[in-house]
Structures are given as C-alpha cells and as structure tokens.
Amino acid sequence: MDKQEKNNGEYYSIDLLHIVKTLWKRAWVIILAGFIAATIGFSYSNFAIEPTYSSTILLYVNNSSFSLGNTSFSISSSEITAAQSLVNTYGEILDNRTTLERVIDKAGVSYSYQDLSEKIESSPSNETEIMKVTVTTNDPYEASKIANCIAEVLPVRISEIIDGASMAVVDSAVPVLEKVAPSVTKYTAVAMILGLLLAVVVLVVLAIMDDTIHDEEYVLKTYDYPILAKVPDLYDGGSKQYGYYYQKHKKANN
C-alpha cells in the first residue's frame, strides 16, 4: 500500500509494506531498545531518586458557634458543606508562616517555612468534618514527628484566631516505612514504552529515507517501469547460480 505525498513539486512514495517488513526484521532492535530503556528507568528510580515517605494525622473540627471578627457563625453537624469550608479555613491557617514557624521550632527541623509548606497537604477526609493533614519528607520518622507537632500547634493557633473554635486529635501520626515515591514500576514501564517508541520512530525514518532498490516489485510500484532483466545474486549460497558459477570457476582453475 502506497501513500503519495507531494513535496517541492516532486512525488515521493512511502511503501507502508516496506516499513512493516523493516520493523519486523528489526524487531530485535525494538525489543533491545525497550529492555535498555526499562533498565535505565529502573536504575534511575531505584538509586538516583531519594525516596519519600508520608505520615498522616486526623483532626476533628468542632462544629459549634464561633465568631470571626465581627461575624458570627453557627455550624451544625448536618451541614457538611459548611464543615468542609471550615476545614479549608483551618488549612489556610496551617499554611500560614507563623503557624509553620511554630511547627518548625517544636519539631526541631531545619526547613524554612516555604519548604515545609510544600511538604504538607490538608483536606477534608471523605467529605466530613475530619481534617486530614499529610506530611511527606525523605525520612519517615521526621514526617511523623512534624505531623504530631502540627496536631499540637494548630489547635492552639486556631483558638488564638477564631473565638470558640477547637480541634480534637482523631488519629496521631506514626512512622510509615513504605515509600510513597518514586514508583519503580511506573518509572520502569514508562521508560520501556518510550524506548520502544523511540526505536520504532528511528526505524520508520530510516525505512522512509532508504532509496535502495530491494526487488523488482519495488521498481514496479515506485517507478512504474518495465523490468527488462534481473541480475542473479551469484554470492547467494542457497542459489543454483552460485553453485554453477562455483563449479565452473573451479574447473577453469584446474
């Protein structure tokens, strides 16, 4: 099957069958490229990237009447949307510079508050009044220590800002030794796929740029010229012509 493309006033023929045959003959190249890329991805994710660990605390947001500035709020346990909004408000207070600096001092870590902010995620847990705070660092014990310090600092900080507000610890943080990143399987699979695709692209480009006449069928399809003669391959060990040439040449030497 041929596809005609016009470029600068000339016609070029792309033999799709030739491309498929090239890929089939060079299948070992594609497989080797995928294997090498997968090995690189596995090695990179296993040895070059420092693993990270997460630790989580759960805090209950007390739904009661409180005032923020000159505005009063009353939240009941049935108003889930309002409770989630309150959780988001507490999350913003947690991400505040003053709060984070208190956490840093209490945990005795050397992060700046900007760096620590990037390591903390907070969100409502399963659309409830429970606030979920996750700390991710390169040390599982450090992550749990920072999370538990947040559980001590955040309720005090919130009570200083919002009158009548309170929080209770539902679940404290514990060290989790199972790393959350990087995923060795993911890196290996992605690298293998990229290696396979790169090999296929290179072989397709080489096949398209190959203007060698491989057989009479290529001439007929590409140039539409009649074939007047065909020169046999005298060096083909499996052909009769080579055997005849070899015997004739041997007799002449004798």
Protein backbone atom coordinates (compact mmCIF):
# COMPACT_ATOMS: atom_id res chain seq x y z
CA MET A 1 0.00 0.00 0.00
CA ASP A 2 1.48 3.33 -1.12
CA LYS A 3 0.75 6.83 0.00
CA GLN A 4 1.64 9.68 -2.34
CA GLU A 5 3.00 12.88 -0.87
CA LYS A 6 3.91 15.99 -2.80
CA ASN A 7 6.95 17.96 -1.72
CA ASN A 8 8.55 20.82 -3.70
CA GLY A 9 6.87 19.75 -6.92
CA GLU A 10 8.07 16.14 -6.72
CA TYR A 11 6.25 12.99 -5.74
CA TYR A 12 7.63 10.63 -3.17
CA SER A 13 6.28 7.18 -2.45
CA ILE A 14 6.10 5.76 1.06
CA ASP A 15 5.89 1.99 0.94
CA LEU A 16 4.00 1.02 4.05
CA LEU A 17 4.59 -2.66 3.40
CA HIS A 18 8.32 -1.98 3.26
CA ILE A 19 8.11 -0.15 6.58
CA VAL A 20 6.24 -3.05 8.18
CA LYS A 21 8.81 -5.52 6.85
CA THR A 22 11.63 -3.34 8.15
CA LEU A 23 10.07 -3.23 11.62
CA TRP A 24 9.53 -6.98 11.58
CA LYS A 25 13.11 -7.70 10.53
CA ARG A 26 14.43 -5.30 13.14
CA ALA A 27 12.09 -6.43 15.90
CA TRP A 28 15.10 -7.43 17.96
CA VAL A 29 16.31 -3.82 17.84
CA ILE A 30 12.96 -2.61 19.18
CA ILE A 31 12.95 -5.21 21.96
CA LEU A 32 16.56 -4.42 22.88
CA ALA A 33 15.82 -0.68 23.00
CA GLY A 34 12.83 -1.30 25.27
CA PHE A 35 14.89 -3.51 27.55
CA ILE A 36 17.74 -0.99 27.79
CA ALA A 37 15.31 1.89 28.46
CA ALA A 38 13.48 -0.16 31.12
CA THR A 39 16.80 -0.95 32.80
CA ILE A 40 17.71 2.75 32.83
CA GLY A 41 14.30 3.68 34.27
CA PHE A 42 14.57 1.00 36.95
CA SER A 43 18.10 2.02 37.92
CA TYR A 44 17.27 5.73 37.96
CA SER A 45 14.18 5.34 40.15
CA ASN A 46 15.89 2.87 42.46
CA PHE A 47 19.24 4.56 43.00
CA ALA A 48 19.18 8.17 41.73
CA ILE A 49 15.92 9.45 43.27
CA GLU A 50 15.72 9.82 47.03
CA PRO A 51 12.56 8.08 48.32
CA THR A 52 9.84 10.00 50.17
CA TYR A 53 7.56 8.87 52.99
CA SER A 54 4.24 10.20 54.25
CA SER A 55 2.65 10.37 57.67
CA THR A 56 -0.93 11.48 58.39
CA ILE A 57 -2.92 12.88 61.28
CA LEU A 58 -6.69 13.25 61.54
CA LEU A 59 -8.19 16.23 63.36
CA TYR A 60 -11.86 16.71 64.21
CA VAL A 61 -13.20 20.19 63.51
CA ASN A 62 -15.54 21.16 66.35
CA ASN A 63 -18.84 22.35 64.85
CA SER A 64 -20.13 24.95 67.27
CA SER A 65 -20.97 28.62 67.27
CA PHE A 66 -17.98 30.87 66.98
CA SER A 67 -17.12 34.37 65.80
CA LEU A 68 -14.52 35.53 63.34
CA GLY A 69 -14.02 39.25 63.66
CA ASN A 70 -17.44 40.89 63.71
CA THR A 71 -19.16 37.95 62.01
CA SER A 72 -20.76 35.06 63.90
CA PHE A 73 -21.17 31.55 62.54
CA SER A 74 -23.22 28.61 63.67
CA ILE A 75 -22.41 25.23 62.15
CA SER A 76 -24.31 22.05 62.89
CA SER A 77 -23.04 18.54 62.28
CA SER A 78 -25.59 18.08 59.47
CA GLU A 79 -24.19 20.95 57.41
CA ILE A 80 -21.39 19.03 55.71
CA THR A 81 -20.64 21.68 53.12
CA ALA A 82 -20.16 24.33 55.79
CA ALA A 83 -17.97 21.97 57.79
CA GLN A 84 -15.80 21.33 54.76
CA SER A 85 -15.47 25.06 54.24
CA LEU A 86 -14.33 25.36 57.85
CA VAL A 87 -11.75 22.63 57.27
CA ASN A 88 -10.43 24.60 54.30
CA THR A 89 -10.20 27.68 56.52
CA TYR A 90 -8.17 25.75 59.07
CA GLY A 91 -5.97 24.52 56.24
CA GLU A 92 -5.18 28.10 55.29
CA ILE A 93 -4.27 28.87 58.89
CA LEU A 94 -2.00 25.83 58.93
CA ASP A 95 -0.22 27.08 55.80
CA ASN A 96 0.42 30.45 57.42
CA ARG A 97 4.03 31.49 58.07
CA THR A 98 3.52 31.98 61.81
CA THR A 99 1.95 28.55 62.24
CA LEU A 100 4.63 26.79 60.25
CA GLU A 101 7.44 28.55 62.11
CA ARG A 102 5.95 27.32 65.40
CA VAL A 103 5.82 23.79 63.99
CA ILE A 104 9.46 24.06 62.87
CA ASP A 105 10.57 25.21 66.33
CA LYS A 106 8.62 22.48 68.11
CA ALA A 107 9.77 19.70 65.75
CA GLY A 108 13.38 20.91 65.75
CA VAL A 109 13.76 20.63 61.97
CA SER A 110 15.83 22.88 59.73
CA TYR A 111 13.30 23.63 56.99
CA SER A 112 12.23 27.11 56.03
CA TYR A 113 8.50 27.70 56.30
CA GLN A 114 8.25 27.75 52.49
CA ASP A 115 9.92 24.34 52.23
CA LEU A 116 7.76 22.89 54.99
CA SER A 117 4.63 24.27 53.34
CA GLU A 118 5.43 22.26 50.21
CA LYS A 119 5.65 19.09 52.30
CA ILE A 120 2.22 19.49 53.95
CA GLU A 121 -1.18 18.73 52.44
CA SER A 122 -4.52 19.23 54.19
CA SER A 123 -8.04 18.36 53.07
CA PRO A 124 -11.40 17.16 54.38
CA SER A 125 -11.42 13.42 54.95
CA ASN A 126 -14.16 11.67 52.93
CA GLU A 127 -16.29 14.84 52.82
CA THR A 128 -16.66 15.02 56.62
CA GLU A 129 -15.67 17.41 59.37
CA ILE A 130 -12.45 15.44 59.82
CA MET A 131 -9.37 17.34 58.69
CA LYS A 132 -6.65 15.16 57.16
CA VAL A 133 -3.10 16.51 57.31
CA THR A 134 -0.34 14.62 55.49
CA VAL A 135 3.37 15.37 55.81
CA THR A 136 5.79 13.99 53.20
CA THR A 137 9.56 14.04 53.69
CA ASN A 138 12.60 11.87 52.94
CA ASP A 139 12.57 10.45 56.48
CA PRO A 140 9.50 8.52 57.74
CA TYR A 141 10.28 9.33 61.38
CA GLU A 142 10.72 13.01 60.64
CA ALA A 143 7.42 13.06 58.76
CA SER A 144 5.52 11.57 61.70
CA LYS A 145 7.25 13.93 64.14
CA ILE A 146 6.27 17.00 62.13
CA ALA A 147 2.69 15.74 61.75
CA ASN A 148 2.30 15.23 65.51
CA CYS A 149 3.75 18.68 66.15
CA ILE A 150 1.10 20.10 63.82
CA ALA A 151 -1.53 18.32 65.92
CA GLU A 152 -0.22 20.22 68.96
CA VAL A 153 0.38 23.62 67.37
CA LEU A 154 -2.62 24.02 65.04
CA PRO A 155 -5.44 23.84 67.66
CA VAL A 156 -3.69 26.50 69.76
CA ARG A 157 -3.12 28.68 66.74
CA ILE A 158 -6.75 28.39 65.63
CA SER A 159 -8.07 29.23 69.11
CA GLU A 160 -5.98 32.41 69.02
CA ILE A 161 -7.60 33.49 65.75
CA ILE A 162 -11.17 32.16 65.92
CA ASP A 163 -13.16 32.60 69.13
CA GLY A 164 -14.80 29.42 70.35
CA ALA A 165 -13.14 27.19 67.77
CA SER A 166 -11.47 23.96 68.79
CA MET A 167 -9.99 20.81 67.33
CA ALA A 168 -9.51 17.29 68.65
CA VAL A 169 -6.98 14.70 67.53
CA VAL A 170 -8.75 11.71 65.99
CA ASP A 171 -5.61 9.80 64.98
CA SER A 172 -1.96 10.58 65.68
CA ALA A 173 0.82 10.08 63.16
CA VAL A 174 3.06 7.01 63.15
CA PRO A 175 6.15 6.36 61.00
CA VAL A 176 5.22 4.60 57.76
CA LEU A 177 8.24 2.83 56.30
CA GLU A 178 6.63 2.17 52.92
CA LYS A 179 7.79 4.84 50.48
CA VAL A 180 5.24 6.82 48.50
CA ALA A 181 7.63 7.86 45.73
CA PRO A 182 9.23 7.16 43.40
CA SER A 183 7.24 4.29 41.91
CA VAL A 184 9.85 1.90 40.49
CA THR A 185 7.18 0.08 38.47
CA LYS A 186 5.89 3.29 36.92
CA TYR A 187 9.34 4.59 36.02
CA THR A 188 10.32 1.24 34.52
CA ALA A 189 7.12 0.92 32.48
CA VAL A 190 7.25 4.49 31.16
CA ALA A 191 10.92 4.18 30.24
CA MET A 192 10.30 0.90 28.42
CA ILE A 193 7.41 2.39 26.41
CA LEU A 194 9.50 5.43 25.48
CA GLY A 195 12.38 3.17 24.42
CA LEU A 196 10.10 1.07 22.22
CA LEU A 197 8.53 4.14 20.61
CA LEU A 198 11.91 5.77 20.00
CA ALA A 199 13.22 2.62 18.32
CA VAL A 200 10.11 2.36 16.13
CA VAL A 201 10.34 6.03 15.11
CA VAL A 202 14.03 5.71 14.20
CA LEU A 203 13.44 2.55 12.15
CA VAL A 204 10.46 4.12 10.34
CA VAL A 205 12.51 7.21 9.46
CA LEU A 206 15.37 5.06 8.20
CA ALA A 207 12.95 2.98 6.14
CA ILE A 208 11.39 6.09 4.58
CA MET A 209 14.81 7.54 3.74
CA ASP A 210 16.03 4.25 2.29
CA ASP A 211 16.05 4.64 -1.52
CA THR A 212 17.74 1.30 -2.18
CA ILE A 213 16.07 -0.91 -4.79
CA HIS A 214 15.38 -4.15 -2.94
CA ASP A 215 13.48 -6.15 -5.57
CA GLU A 216 11.57 -5.89 -8.86
CA GLU A 217 8.31 -5.32 -7.03
CA TYR A 218 9.72 -2.12 -5.53
CA VAL A 219 10.64 -0.84 -9.02
CA LEU A 220 7.20 -1.63 -10.43
CA LYS A 221 5.34 0.06 -7.59
CA THR A 222 7.63 3.05 -7.27
CA TYR A 223 8.60 3.95 -10.85
CA ASP A 224 6.15 2.02 -13.00
CA TYR A 225 8.98 0.97 -15.32
CA PRO A 226 9.13 -2.41 -17.10
CA ILE A 227 11.85 -4.80 -15.93
CA LEU A 228 14.00 -5.97 -18.85
CA ALA A 229 16.39 -8.21 -16.93
CA LYS A 230 17.26 -9.42 -13.47
CA VAL A 231 20.84 -9.98 -12.31
CA PRO A 232 21.07 -13.04 -10.04
CA ASP A 233 22.95 -12.91 -6.77
CA LEU A 234 25.98 -15.08 -7.52
CA TYR A 235 27.11 -14.92 -3.91
CA ASP A 236 23.89 -16.36 -2.53
CA GLY A 237 24.91 -19.71 -1.08
CA GLY A 238 21.40 -21.08 -1.48
CA SER A 239 21.00 -20.23 -5.17
CA LYS A 240 21.68 -22.52 -8.17
CA GLN A 241 23.51 -19.72 -9.96
CA TYR A 242 26.16 -19.57 -7.29
CA GLY A 243 26.68 -23.34 -7.43
CA TYR A 244 27.04 -23.26 -11.21
CA TYR A 245 29.45 -20.33 -11.02
CA TYR A 246 31.47 -22.04 -8.30
CA GLN A 247 31.75 -25.33 -10.26
CA LYS A 248 32.65 -23.55 -13.49
CA HIS A 249 35.22 -21.40 -11.75
CA LYS A 250 36.70 -24.47 -10.05
CA LYS A 251 37.04 -26.38 -13.32
CA ALA A 252 38.68 -23.42 -15.01
CA ASN A 253 41.28 -23.23 -12.25
CA ASN A 254 42.04 -26.94 -12.59
